[in-house]
């Protein structure tokens, strides 16, 4: 166990991720797994999650990283949504760039992106274009919100467990997912972002 607010934590996690190992860490939503945007890291994450049927969402340090991943113009509503919801618990699905590797995008050619609202994660993300992110549970099993409840098989296969020192239990609410890839913005999954506030942005 290491802690976000220790002086050398981000450097340790950067080194771990750069060698394509996976970390388990707290953030601004559910306890999660994070990995480098490489096929090697993706395969390790698939082994931990025991799944391989869909891509993972990608977390970024800021919206300035969007051109690395998407091939889609913005209208005013989408621009407002990005400026209001990021950093925060909202995942946006876009049309992916055509030159991205197939294992990074969905079968529909889309990609899911988010900027988390967590100082430690943002510092770590500043060293990468982005990181794969997913909840820290085996596929099909319930999401847990306390580190000591995580399946030991998961803990055994990650290179580090990182938490906020002042707490060991976190939100059970995942990010809200919005599909922005087809013009009209659709809610795919309700989550940690207020639906009332979201509907105000979408109308």
N, C-alpha and C. Protein backbone atom coordinates (compact mmCIF):
# COMPACT_ATOMS: atom_id res chain seq x y z
N UNK A 1 0.84 -1.20 0.00
CA UNK A 1 0.00 0.00 0.00
C UNK A 1 0.87 1.25 0.00
N UNK A 2 0.59 2.15 -0.94
CA UNK A 2 1.22 3.47 -0.92
C UNK A 2 0.11 4.51 -0.95
N UNK A 3 0.47 5.77 -0.72
CA UNK A 3 -0.54 6.81 -0.56
C UNK A 3 -0.28 7.97 -1.50
N UNK A 4 -1.39 8.51 -2.02
CA UNK A 4 -1.29 9.59 -3.01
C UNK A 4 -0.49 10.78 -2.51
N UNK A 5 -0.64 11.12 -1.24
CA UNK A 5 -0.02 12.36 -0.77
C UNK A 5 1.42 12.18 -0.30
N UNK A 6 2.00 11.00 -0.45
CA UNK A 6 3.43 10.84 -0.17
C UNK A 6 4.25 11.42 -1.32
N UNK A 7 5.39 11.98 -0.99
CA UNK A 7 6.15 12.77 -1.96
C UNK A 7 6.57 11.99 -3.20
N UNK A 8 6.89 10.71 -3.05
CA UNK A 8 7.42 9.96 -4.19
C UNK A 8 6.41 9.05 -4.86
N UNK A 9 5.14 9.14 -4.47
CA UNK A 9 4.13 8.20 -4.98
C UNK A 9 3.93 8.31 -6.49
N UNK A 10 3.74 9.51 -6.98
CA UNK A 10 3.47 9.68 -8.42
C UNK A 10 4.64 9.15 -9.25
N UNK A 11 5.86 9.40 -8.79
CA UNK A 11 7.04 8.91 -9.52
C UNK A 11 7.06 7.37 -9.52
N UNK A 12 6.74 6.76 -8.39
CA UNK A 12 6.68 5.30 -8.32
C UNK A 12 5.63 4.75 -9.29
N UNK A 13 4.45 5.35 -9.29
CA UNK A 13 3.38 4.87 -10.15
C UNK A 13 3.71 5.09 -11.62
N UNK A 14 4.35 6.20 -11.92
CA UNK A 14 4.79 6.48 -13.29
C UNK A 14 5.72 5.37 -13.78
N UNK A 15 6.68 4.97 -12.96
CA UNK A 15 7.62 3.92 -13.34
C UNK A 15 6.91 2.59 -13.54
N UNK A 16 5.97 2.27 -12.67
CA UNK A 16 5.22 1.01 -12.78
C UNK A 16 4.42 0.98 -14.07
N UNK A 17 3.71 2.05 -14.35
CA UNK A 17 2.86 2.09 -15.54
C UNK A 17 3.71 2.11 -16.81
N UNK A 18 4.86 2.76 -16.76
CA UNK A 18 5.72 2.83 -17.94
C UNK A 18 6.28 1.46 -18.34
N UNK A 19 6.32 0.53 -17.40
CA UNK A 19 6.74 -0.82 -17.77
C UNK A 19 5.54 -1.73 -18.03
N UNK A 20 4.38 -1.12 -18.22
CA UNK A 20 3.14 -1.79 -18.61
C UNK A 20 2.53 -2.66 -17.52
N UNK A 21 2.89 -2.41 -16.26
CA UNK A 21 2.20 -3.09 -15.16
C UNK A 21 0.98 -2.28 -14.77
N UNK A 22 0.08 -2.91 -14.02
CA UNK A 22 -1.21 -2.33 -13.67
C UNK A 22 -1.20 -1.89 -12.21
N UNK A 23 -1.83 -0.76 -11.93
CA UNK A 23 -1.99 -0.30 -10.54
C UNK A 23 -3.46 -0.34 -10.15
N UNK A 24 -3.71 -0.47 -8.87
CA UNK A 24 -5.04 -0.35 -8.29
C UNK A 24 -5.02 0.91 -7.45
N UNK A 25 -5.93 1.82 -7.70
CA UNK A 25 -5.86 3.11 -7.00
C UNK A 25 -7.22 3.74 -6.81
N UNK A 26 -7.32 4.55 -5.77
CA UNK A 26 -8.51 5.36 -5.56
C UNK A 26 -8.48 6.55 -6.50
N UNK A 27 -9.66 7.10 -6.75
CA UNK A 27 -9.78 8.28 -7.60
C UNK A 27 -10.99 9.08 -7.17
N UNK A 28 -11.72 9.60 -8.14
CA UNK A 28 -12.89 10.40 -7.80
C UNK A 28 -14.20 9.64 -7.95
N UNK A 29 -14.12 8.35 -8.38
CA UNK A 29 -15.33 7.52 -8.45
C UNK A 29 -15.03 6.20 -7.74
N UNK A 30 -15.29 5.07 -8.38
CA UNK A 30 -15.04 3.78 -7.74
C UNK A 30 -13.55 3.46 -7.74
N UNK A 31 -13.15 2.56 -6.84
CA UNK A 31 -11.78 2.07 -6.85
C UNK A 31 -11.49 1.47 -8.23
N UNK A 32 -10.31 1.78 -8.77
CA UNK A 32 -10.08 1.42 -10.16
C UNK A 32 -8.73 0.79 -10.44
N UNK A 33 -8.64 0.22 -11.63
CA UNK A 33 -7.39 -0.26 -12.19
C UNK A 33 -6.97 0.71 -13.27
N UNK A 34 -5.67 1.02 -13.33
CA UNK A 34 -5.14 1.91 -14.36
C UNK A 34 -3.94 1.26 -15.04
N UNK A 35 -3.85 1.47 -16.36
CA UNK A 35 -2.74 0.90 -17.10
C UNK A 35 -2.36 1.74 -18.30
N UNK A 36 -1.17 1.54 -18.79
CA UNK A 36 -0.65 2.27 -19.94
C UNK A 36 -1.47 1.97 -21.20
N UNK A 37 -1.41 2.87 -22.17
CA UNK A 37 -2.15 2.68 -23.42
C UNK A 37 -1.34 1.83 -24.40
N UNK A 38 -1.03 0.62 -23.95
CA UNK A 38 -0.30 -0.33 -24.78
C UNK A 38 -1.07 -1.64 -24.83
N UNK A 39 -0.80 -2.43 -25.85
CA UNK A 39 -1.48 -3.73 -25.95
C UNK A 39 -1.07 -4.64 -24.80
N UNK A 40 0.20 -4.54 -24.39
CA UNK A 40 0.68 -5.35 -23.27
C UNK A 40 -0.10 -5.04 -21.99
N UNK A 41 -0.26 -3.76 -21.68
CA UNK A 41 -1.01 -3.38 -20.48
C UNK A 41 -2.47 -3.77 -20.61
N UNK A 42 -3.03 -3.61 -21.80
CA UNK A 42 -4.42 -4.00 -22.03
C UNK A 42 -4.62 -5.48 -21.75
N UNK A 43 -3.70 -6.32 -22.22
CA UNK A 43 -3.82 -7.76 -22.00
C UNK A 43 -3.71 -8.11 -20.52
N UNK A 44 -2.84 -7.40 -19.79
CA UNK A 44 -2.74 -7.64 -18.35
C UNK A 44 -4.03 -7.24 -17.65
N UNK A 45 -4.62 -6.13 -18.08
CA UNK A 45 -5.87 -5.70 -17.48
C UNK A 45 -6.98 -6.70 -17.79
N UNK A 46 -7.01 -7.22 -19.01
CA UNK A 46 -7.99 -8.24 -19.37
C UNK A 46 -7.85 -9.48 -18.51
N UNK A 47 -6.61 -9.88 -18.23
CA UNK A 47 -6.37 -11.05 -17.40
C UNK A 47 -6.88 -10.82 -15.98
N UNK A 48 -6.64 -9.63 -15.45
CA UNK A 48 -7.10 -9.30 -14.10
C UNK A 48 -8.62 -9.26 -14.05
N UNK A 49 -9.23 -8.62 -15.04
CA UNK A 49 -10.69 -8.48 -15.08
C UNK A 49 -11.39 -9.76 -15.54
N UNK A 50 -10.64 -10.66 -16.18
CA UNK A 50 -11.20 -11.89 -16.76
C UNK A 50 -12.25 -11.56 -17.81
N UNK A 51 -11.86 -10.67 -18.73
CA UNK A 51 -12.72 -10.28 -19.85
C UNK A 51 -11.87 -9.81 -21.01
N UNK A 52 -12.44 -9.79 -22.18
CA UNK A 52 -11.71 -9.29 -23.36
C UNK A 52 -12.68 -8.84 -24.44
N UNK A 53 -13.90 -8.54 -24.05
CA UNK A 53 -14.96 -8.32 -25.04
C UNK A 53 -15.17 -6.86 -25.42
N UNK A 54 -14.52 -5.93 -24.74
CA UNK A 54 -14.75 -4.52 -25.06
C UNK A 54 -13.57 -3.69 -24.58
N UNK A 55 -13.36 -2.52 -25.18
CA UNK A 55 -12.24 -1.67 -24.76
C UNK A 55 -12.54 -1.00 -23.43
N UNK A 56 -11.50 -0.47 -22.82
CA UNK A 56 -11.64 0.26 -21.57
C UNK A 56 -11.72 1.76 -21.84
N UNK A 57 -12.33 2.47 -20.90
CA UNK A 57 -12.33 3.92 -21.05
C UNK A 57 -10.91 4.43 -20.80
N UNK A 58 -10.65 5.62 -21.29
CA UNK A 58 -9.32 6.23 -21.17
C UNK A 58 -9.44 7.52 -20.36
N UNK A 59 -8.59 7.63 -19.34
CA UNK A 59 -8.54 8.86 -18.56
C UNK A 59 -7.39 9.73 -19.06
N UNK A 60 -7.60 11.04 -19.03
CA UNK A 60 -6.61 12.00 -19.53
C UNK A 60 -6.40 13.09 -18.48
N UNK A 61 -5.29 13.84 -18.64
CA UNK A 61 -4.99 14.93 -17.72
C UNK A 61 -5.86 16.16 -17.98
N UNK A 62 -6.27 16.35 -19.22
CA UNK A 62 -7.10 17.52 -19.55
C UNK A 62 -7.72 17.33 -20.92
N UNK A 63 -8.68 18.20 -21.23
CA UNK A 63 -9.34 18.15 -22.54
C UNK A 63 -8.37 18.49 -23.68
N UNK A 64 -7.22 19.07 -23.35
CA UNK A 64 -6.23 19.37 -24.39
C UNK A 64 -5.71 18.10 -25.07
N UNK A 65 -5.89 16.96 -24.42
CA UNK A 65 -5.44 15.68 -24.99
C UNK A 65 -6.44 15.10 -26.00
N UNK A 66 -7.61 15.68 -26.10
CA UNK A 66 -8.65 15.13 -26.97
C UNK A 66 -8.20 14.89 -28.41
N UNK A 67 -7.46 15.82 -29.05
CA UNK A 67 -7.07 15.59 -30.44
C UNK A 67 -6.23 14.33 -30.65
N UNK A 68 -5.63 13.80 -29.59
CA UNK A 68 -4.87 12.55 -29.73
C UNK A 68 -5.78 11.35 -29.95
N UNK A 69 -7.08 11.52 -29.65
CA UNK A 69 -7.97 10.36 -29.63
C UNK A 69 -9.20 10.47 -30.53
N UNK A 70 -9.65 11.67 -30.82
CA UNK A 70 -10.96 11.78 -31.48
C UNK A 70 -10.85 12.45 -32.84
N UNK A 71 -11.85 12.15 -33.65
CA UNK A 71 -11.97 12.74 -34.99
C UNK A 71 -13.42 13.19 -35.15
N UNK A 72 -13.73 14.31 -34.47
CA UNK A 72 -15.12 14.74 -34.40
C UNK A 72 -15.18 16.24 -34.11
N UNK A 73 -15.95 16.98 -34.88
CA UNK A 73 -16.08 18.42 -34.59
C UNK A 73 -16.94 18.65 -33.35
N UNK A 74 -16.74 19.80 -32.70
CA UNK A 74 -17.52 20.16 -31.52
C UNK A 74 -18.55 21.21 -31.88
N UNK A 75 -19.78 21.04 -31.38
CA UNK A 75 -20.72 22.15 -31.40
C UNK A 75 -20.69 22.84 -30.04
N UNK A 76 -21.43 23.92 -29.91
CA UNK A 76 -21.38 24.71 -28.67
C UNK A 76 -21.83 23.89 -27.47
N UNK A 77 -22.86 23.04 -27.66
CA UNK A 77 -23.37 22.25 -26.54
C UNK A 77 -22.31 21.27 -26.02
N UNK A 78 -21.61 20.63 -26.95
CA UNK A 78 -20.58 19.68 -26.56
C UNK A 78 -19.41 20.40 -25.88
N UNK A 79 -19.05 21.57 -26.40
CA UNK A 79 -17.97 22.34 -25.79
C UNK A 79 -18.33 22.74 -24.36
N UNK A 80 -19.58 23.17 -24.16
CA UNK A 80 -20.04 23.54 -22.83
C UNK A 80 -20.04 22.34 -21.90
N UNK A 81 -20.45 21.19 -22.41
CA UNK A 81 -20.46 19.96 -21.63
C UNK A 81 -19.06 19.61 -21.14
N UNK A 82 -18.09 19.68 -22.04
CA UNK A 82 -16.71 19.37 -21.69
C UNK A 82 -16.19 20.34 -20.63
N UNK A 83 -16.44 21.62 -20.83
CA UNK A 83 -15.94 22.63 -19.89
C UNK A 83 -16.60 22.52 -18.52
N UNK A 84 -17.85 22.05 -18.48
CA UNK A 84 -18.58 21.95 -17.22
C UNK A 84 -18.29 20.66 -16.47
N UNK A 85 -18.16 19.56 -17.21
CA UNK A 85 -18.08 18.24 -16.58
C UNK A 85 -16.67 17.75 -16.32
N UNK A 86 -15.69 18.34 -16.94
CA UNK A 86 -14.30 17.91 -16.75
C UNK A 86 -13.49 19.00 -16.06
N UNK A 87 -12.64 18.68 -15.09
CA UNK A 87 -12.50 17.36 -14.48
C UNK A 87 -13.76 16.97 -13.71
N UNK A 88 -14.09 15.68 -13.73
CA UNK A 88 -15.27 15.21 -13.02
C UNK A 88 -15.67 13.81 -13.42
N UNK A 89 -16.73 13.28 -12.80
CA UNK A 89 -17.13 11.89 -12.99
C UNK A 89 -18.04 11.68 -14.21
N UNK A 90 -17.62 12.19 -15.35
CA UNK A 90 -18.39 12.04 -16.59
C UNK A 90 -17.48 11.49 -17.69
N UNK A 91 -17.90 10.37 -18.27
CA UNK A 91 -17.20 9.78 -19.40
C UNK A 91 -17.95 10.13 -20.67
N UNK A 92 -17.23 10.64 -21.67
CA UNK A 92 -17.83 11.02 -22.94
C UNK A 92 -17.35 10.07 -24.04
N UNK A 93 -18.29 9.60 -24.84
CA UNK A 93 -17.98 8.68 -25.94
C UNK A 93 -17.97 9.48 -27.24
N UNK A 94 -16.86 9.40 -27.99
CA UNK A 94 -16.67 10.14 -29.24
C UNK A 94 -16.37 9.18 -30.39
N UNK A 95 -16.42 9.71 -31.61
CA UNK A 95 -15.87 9.00 -32.75
C UNK A 95 -14.35 9.02 -32.64
N UNK A 96 -13.74 7.84 -32.70
CA UNK A 96 -12.29 7.74 -32.52
C UNK A 96 -11.55 8.09 -33.80
N UNK A 97 -10.33 8.54 -33.63
CA UNK A 97 -9.45 8.75 -34.78
C UNK A 97 -9.26 7.43 -35.52
N UNK A 98 -9.21 7.54 -36.85
CA UNK A 98 -9.11 6.32 -37.67
C UNK A 98 -7.76 5.64 -37.54
N UNK A 99 -6.74 6.37 -37.10
CA UNK A 99 -5.40 5.78 -37.03
C UNK A 99 -5.08 5.17 -35.67
N UNK A 100 -6.05 5.13 -34.76
CA UNK A 100 -5.82 4.49 -33.47
C UNK A 100 -5.84 2.97 -33.63
N UNK A 101 -5.10 2.24 -32.82
CA UNK A 101 -5.11 0.78 -32.91
C UNK A 101 -6.49 0.21 -32.58
N UNK A 102 -6.82 -0.90 -33.20
CA UNK A 102 -8.16 -1.48 -33.06
C UNK A 102 -8.49 -1.84 -31.62
N UNK A 103 -7.48 -2.22 -30.83
CA UNK A 103 -7.76 -2.64 -29.46
C UNK A 103 -8.00 -1.46 -28.51
N UNK A 104 -7.90 -0.24 -29.03
CA UNK A 104 -8.16 0.94 -28.20
C UNK A 104 -9.58 1.48 -28.40
N UNK A 105 -10.26 1.02 -29.46
CA UNK A 105 -11.57 1.58 -29.80
C UNK A 105 -12.61 0.47 -29.83
N UNK A 106 -13.88 0.86 -29.80
CA UNK A 106 -14.97 -0.12 -29.84
C UNK A 106 -15.19 -0.61 -31.26
N UNK A 107 -16.00 -1.63 -31.40
CA UNK A 107 -16.33 -2.16 -32.73
C UNK A 107 -17.11 -1.15 -33.55
N UNK A 108 -17.70 -0.16 -32.89
CA UNK A 108 -18.42 0.91 -33.60
C UNK A 108 -17.51 2.08 -33.96
N UNK A 109 -16.22 1.96 -33.64
CA UNK A 109 -15.28 3.03 -33.95
C UNK A 109 -15.33 4.19 -32.99
N UNK A 110 -15.79 3.93 -31.76
CA UNK A 110 -15.88 5.00 -30.76
C UNK A 110 -14.83 4.79 -29.67
N UNK A 111 -14.63 5.85 -28.90
CA UNK A 111 -13.68 5.80 -27.80
C UNK A 111 -14.26 6.58 -26.62
N UNK A 112 -14.08 6.05 -25.41
CA UNK A 112 -14.65 6.64 -24.20
C UNK A 112 -13.54 7.34 -23.42
N UNK A 113 -13.75 8.62 -23.08
CA UNK A 113 -12.70 9.46 -22.48
C UNK A 113 -13.23 10.18 -21.25
N UNK A 114 -12.31 10.42 -20.29
CA UNK A 114 -12.69 11.14 -19.08
C UNK A 114 -11.49 11.86 -18.49
N UNK A 115 -11.73 13.00 -17.88
CA UNK A 115 -10.72 13.72 -17.09
C UNK A 115 -11.16 13.65 -15.63
N UNK A 116 -10.46 12.88 -14.80
CA UNK A 116 -10.90 12.71 -13.41
C UNK A 116 -10.63 13.95 -12.56
N UNK A 117 -11.41 14.09 -11.51
CA UNK A 117 -11.25 15.20 -10.58
C UNK A 117 -10.54 14.70 -9.32
N UNK A 118 -9.25 14.40 -9.48
CA UNK A 118 -8.47 13.85 -8.37
C UNK A 118 -7.02 14.30 -8.56
N UNK A 119 -6.49 15.04 -7.58
CA UNK A 119 -5.17 15.65 -7.75
C UNK A 119 -4.08 14.63 -8.06
N UNK A 120 -4.06 13.52 -7.34
CA UNK A 120 -3.02 12.52 -7.56
C UNK A 120 -3.08 11.92 -8.95
N UNK A 121 -4.28 11.56 -9.37
CA UNK A 121 -4.44 10.99 -10.71
C UNK A 121 -4.05 11.99 -11.78
N UNK A 122 -4.43 13.23 -11.61
CA UNK A 122 -4.10 14.25 -12.61
C UNK A 122 -2.60 14.46 -12.72
N UNK A 123 -1.90 14.41 -11.59
CA UNK A 123 -0.43 14.52 -11.62
C UNK A 123 0.17 13.34 -12.37
N UNK A 124 -0.34 12.14 -12.09
CA UNK A 124 0.14 10.94 -12.78
C UNK A 124 -0.17 11.01 -14.27
N UNK A 125 -1.36 11.41 -14.61
CA UNK A 125 -1.78 11.48 -16.01
C UNK A 125 -1.00 12.51 -16.82
N UNK A 126 -0.43 13.49 -16.14
CA UNK A 126 0.32 14.53 -16.86
C UNK A 126 1.55 13.95 -17.56
N UNK A 127 1.97 12.75 -17.18
CA UNK A 127 3.13 12.12 -17.80
C UNK A 127 2.76 11.23 -19.00
N UNK A 128 1.46 11.09 -19.27
CA UNK A 128 1.00 10.17 -20.31
C UNK A 128 -0.06 10.86 -21.19
N UNK A 129 -0.22 10.38 -22.42
CA UNK A 129 -1.35 10.84 -23.23
C UNK A 129 -2.66 10.45 -22.56
N UNK A 130 -2.68 9.30 -21.94
CA UNK A 130 -3.85 8.81 -21.24
C UNK A 130 -3.54 7.47 -20.61
N UNK A 131 -4.46 6.98 -19.79
CA UNK A 131 -4.34 5.67 -19.17
C UNK A 131 -5.66 4.93 -19.29
N UNK A 132 -5.58 3.62 -19.56
CA UNK A 132 -6.77 2.79 -19.47
C UNK A 132 -7.28 2.81 -18.04
N UNK A 133 -8.60 2.77 -17.88
CA UNK A 133 -9.19 2.78 -16.55
C UNK A 133 -10.43 1.89 -16.52
N UNK A 134 -10.59 1.16 -15.42
CA UNK A 134 -11.76 0.32 -15.23
C UNK A 134 -11.94 0.07 -13.74
N UNK A 135 -13.12 -0.35 -13.34
CA UNK A 135 -13.37 -0.63 -11.93
C UNK A 135 -12.57 -1.84 -11.46
N UNK A 136 -12.21 -1.85 -10.19
CA UNK A 136 -11.33 -2.88 -9.63
C UNK A 136 -12.14 -4.09 -9.17
N UNK A 137 -12.78 -4.74 -10.12
CA UNK A 137 -13.53 -5.96 -9.82
C UNK A 137 -13.41 -6.92 -11.01
N UNK A 138 -13.57 -8.20 -10.73
CA UNK A 138 -13.59 -9.18 -11.81
C UNK A 138 -14.89 -9.03 -12.58
N UNK A 139 -14.83 -9.15 -13.89
CA UNK A 139 -15.99 -8.94 -14.75
C UNK A 139 -17.18 -9.79 -14.28
N UNK A 140 -18.32 -9.14 -14.10
CA UNK A 140 -19.52 -9.84 -13.67
C UNK A 140 -19.74 -9.83 -12.18
N UNK A 141 -18.71 -9.46 -11.41
CA UNK A 141 -18.85 -9.38 -9.96
C UNK A 141 -19.19 -7.95 -9.54
N UNK A 142 -19.70 -7.81 -8.34
CA UNK A 142 -20.11 -6.50 -7.84
C UNK A 142 -18.89 -5.60 -7.61
N UNK A 143 -19.11 -4.31 -7.78
CA UNK A 143 -18.09 -3.32 -7.45
C UNK A 143 -18.09 -3.12 -5.94
N UNK A 144 -16.93 -3.15 -5.32
CA UNK A 144 -16.82 -2.91 -3.88
C UNK A 144 -16.23 -1.52 -3.66
N UNK A 145 -16.49 -0.95 -2.49
CA UNK A 145 -16.02 0.42 -2.26
C UNK A 145 -14.93 0.54 -1.22
N UNK A 146 -14.49 -0.59 -0.62
CA UNK A 146 -13.42 -0.56 0.36
C UNK A 146 -12.25 -1.42 -0.12
N UNK A 147 -11.04 -0.95 0.11
CA UNK A 147 -9.86 -1.66 -0.39
C UNK A 147 -9.77 -3.07 0.19
N UNK A 148 -10.14 -3.24 1.47
CA UNK A 148 -10.03 -4.57 2.07
C UNK A 148 -11.09 -5.54 1.57
N UNK A 149 -12.03 -5.06 0.74
CA UNK A 149 -13.05 -5.94 0.17
C UNK A 149 -12.71 -6.40 -1.25
N UNK A 150 -11.65 -5.86 -1.80
CA UNK A 150 -11.29 -6.22 -3.18
C UNK A 150 -10.83 -7.67 -3.24
N UNK A 151 -11.23 -8.35 -4.30
CA UNK A 151 -10.87 -9.75 -4.50
C UNK A 151 -9.35 -9.92 -4.39
N UNK A 152 -8.86 -10.81 -3.52
CA UNK A 152 -7.42 -11.02 -3.38
C UNK A 152 -6.73 -11.40 -4.69
N UNK A 153 -7.47 -12.02 -5.61
CA UNK A 153 -6.88 -12.38 -6.91
C UNK A 153 -6.51 -11.14 -7.70
N UNK A 154 -7.24 -10.06 -7.51
CA UNK A 154 -6.92 -8.79 -8.17
C UNK A 154 -5.70 -8.17 -7.52
N UNK A 155 -5.70 -8.09 -6.20
CA UNK A 155 -4.59 -7.47 -5.47
C UNK A 155 -3.27 -8.18 -5.80
N UNK A 156 -3.34 -9.49 -5.95
CA UNK A 156 -2.13 -10.27 -6.22
C UNK A 156 -1.53 -9.99 -7.59
N UNK A 157 -2.35 -9.44 -8.51
CA UNK A 157 -1.88 -9.26 -9.90
C UNK A 157 -1.58 -7.82 -10.26
N UNK A 158 -1.74 -6.90 -9.33
CA UNK A 158 -1.36 -5.51 -9.61
C UNK A 158 0.01 -5.24 -9.00
N UNK A 159 0.69 -4.23 -9.52
CA UNK A 159 2.05 -3.91 -9.06
C UNK A 159 2.06 -2.96 -7.87
N UNK A 160 0.94 -2.26 -7.63
CA UNK A 160 0.85 -1.35 -6.49
C UNK A 160 -0.61 -1.08 -6.17
N UNK A 161 -0.87 -0.83 -4.90
CA UNK A 161 -2.19 -0.38 -4.44
C UNK A 161 -1.98 1.00 -3.83
N UNK A 162 -2.73 1.98 -4.35
CA UNK A 162 -2.54 3.37 -3.91
C UNK A 162 -3.88 3.93 -3.43
N UNK A 163 -3.85 4.58 -2.29
CA UNK A 163 -5.07 5.10 -1.70
C UNK A 163 -4.86 6.51 -1.17
N UNK A 164 -5.97 7.19 -0.94
CA UNK A 164 -5.91 8.45 -0.19
C UNK A 164 -5.75 8.08 1.28
N UNK A 165 -4.76 8.64 1.94
CA UNK A 165 -4.39 8.19 3.28
C UNK A 165 -5.54 8.31 4.28
N UNK A 166 -6.39 9.31 4.10
CA UNK A 166 -7.42 9.58 5.10
C UNK A 166 -8.64 8.66 4.97
N UNK A 167 -8.68 7.78 3.96
CA UNK A 167 -9.83 6.91 3.83
C UNK A 167 -9.46 5.61 3.12
N UNK A 168 -10.23 4.57 3.40
CA UNK A 168 -10.04 3.27 2.77
C UNK A 168 -11.29 2.81 2.03
N UNK A 169 -12.38 3.56 2.19
CA UNK A 169 -13.62 3.24 1.49
C UNK A 169 -14.03 4.43 0.63
N UNK A 170 -14.58 4.12 -0.54
CA UNK A 170 -14.82 5.16 -1.54
C UNK A 170 -16.20 5.00 -2.17
N UNK A 171 -16.48 5.79 -3.17
CA UNK A 171 -17.79 5.79 -3.80
C UNK A 171 -18.09 4.46 -4.50
N UNK A 172 -19.36 4.08 -4.52
CA UNK A 172 -19.80 2.95 -5.34
C UNK A 172 -20.39 3.43 -6.66
N UNK A 173 -20.43 4.74 -6.84
CA UNK A 173 -20.99 5.31 -8.06
C UNK A 173 -19.92 5.44 -9.13
N UNK A 174 -20.09 4.78 -10.28
CA UNK A 174 -19.14 4.97 -11.38
C UNK A 174 -19.40 6.29 -12.08
N UNK A 175 -18.60 6.59 -13.06
CA UNK A 175 -18.83 7.81 -13.83
C UNK A 175 -20.11 7.69 -14.65
N UNK A 176 -20.74 8.82 -14.86
CA UNK A 176 -21.87 8.91 -15.80
C UNK A 176 -21.30 8.82 -17.22
N UNK A 177 -21.97 8.05 -18.09
CA UNK A 177 -21.48 7.91 -19.46
C UNK A 177 -22.46 8.55 -20.44
N UNK A 178 -21.93 9.43 -21.29
CA UNK A 178 -22.72 10.11 -22.31
C UNK A 178 -22.16 9.77 -23.69
N UNK A 179 -23.05 9.41 -24.60
CA UNK A 179 -22.65 9.14 -25.98
C UNK A 179 -22.77 10.43 -26.79
N UNK A 180 -21.61 10.95 -27.22
CA UNK A 180 -21.57 12.19 -28.00
C UNK A 180 -21.20 11.92 -29.45
N UNK A 181 -21.19 10.65 -29.85
CA UNK A 181 -20.61 10.27 -31.13
C UNK A 181 -21.56 10.41 -32.31
N UNK A 182 -22.86 10.58 -32.04
CA UNK A 182 -23.84 10.56 -33.14
C UNK A 182 -24.56 11.89 -33.33
N UNK A 183 -24.04 12.94 -32.72
CA UNK A 183 -24.70 14.24 -32.85
C UNK A 183 -25.48 14.57 -31.59
N UNK A 184 -26.67 13.99 -31.43
CA UNK A 184 -27.43 14.17 -30.20
C UNK A 184 -26.73 13.45 -29.06
N UNK A 185 -26.67 14.08 -27.90
CA UNK A 185 -26.00 13.50 -26.75
C UNK A 185 -26.98 12.63 -25.97
N UNK A 186 -26.62 11.37 -25.78
CA UNK A 186 -27.48 10.41 -25.10
C UNK A 186 -26.83 9.92 -23.81
N UNK A 187 -27.63 9.74 -22.77
CA UNK A 187 -27.14 9.18 -21.51
C UNK A 187 -27.12 7.66 -21.63
N UNK A 188 -25.92 7.07 -21.57
CA UNK A 188 -25.78 5.61 -21.63
C UNK A 188 -25.80 4.97 -20.25
N UNK A 189 -25.29 5.68 -19.25
CA UNK A 189 -25.28 5.16 -17.88
C UNK A 189 -25.34 6.31 -16.90
N UNK A 190 -26.29 6.26 -15.99
CA UNK A 190 -26.30 7.25 -14.92
C UNK A 190 -25.24 6.88 -13.90
N UNK A 191 -24.70 7.88 -13.22
CA UNK A 191 -23.61 7.61 -12.29
C UNK A 191 -23.43 8.75 -11.32
N UNK A 192 -22.18 9.10 -11.08
CA UNK A 192 -21.84 10.02 -10.00
C UNK A 192 -22.19 11.47 -10.29
N UNK A 193 -22.38 11.83 -11.56
CA UNK A 193 -22.70 13.22 -11.90
C UNK A 193 -24.21 13.41 -11.81
N UNK A 194 -24.63 14.50 -11.22
CA UNK A 194 -26.06 14.78 -11.01
C UNK A 194 -26.84 14.77 -12.33
N UNK A 195 -27.85 13.91 -12.41
CA UNK A 195 -28.67 13.86 -13.63
C UNK A 195 -29.44 15.15 -13.83
N UNK A 196 -29.88 15.76 -12.73
CA UNK A 196 -30.60 17.03 -12.83
C UNK A 196 -29.73 18.11 -13.46
N UNK A 197 -28.49 18.16 -12.99
CA UNK A 197 -27.56 19.15 -13.55
C UNK A 197 -27.24 18.83 -15.00
N UNK A 198 -27.13 17.54 -15.29
CA UNK A 198 -26.80 17.11 -16.63
C UNK A 198 -27.92 17.46 -17.61
N UNK A 199 -29.15 17.22 -17.19
CA UNK A 199 -30.28 17.53 -18.07
C UNK A 199 -30.36 19.01 -18.36
N UNK A 200 -29.94 19.83 -17.39
CA UNK A 200 -29.89 21.26 -17.62
C UNK A 200 -28.86 21.63 -18.68
N UNK A 201 -27.79 20.87 -18.77
CA UNK A 201 -26.76 21.13 -19.78
C UNK A 201 -27.18 20.64 -21.15
N UNK A 202 -28.01 19.60 -21.19
CA UNK A 202 -28.37 18.97 -22.47
C UNK A 202 -29.59 19.58 -23.12
N UNK A 203 -30.35 20.39 -22.39
CA UNK A 203 -31.57 20.97 -22.97
C UNK A 203 -31.29 22.36 -23.53
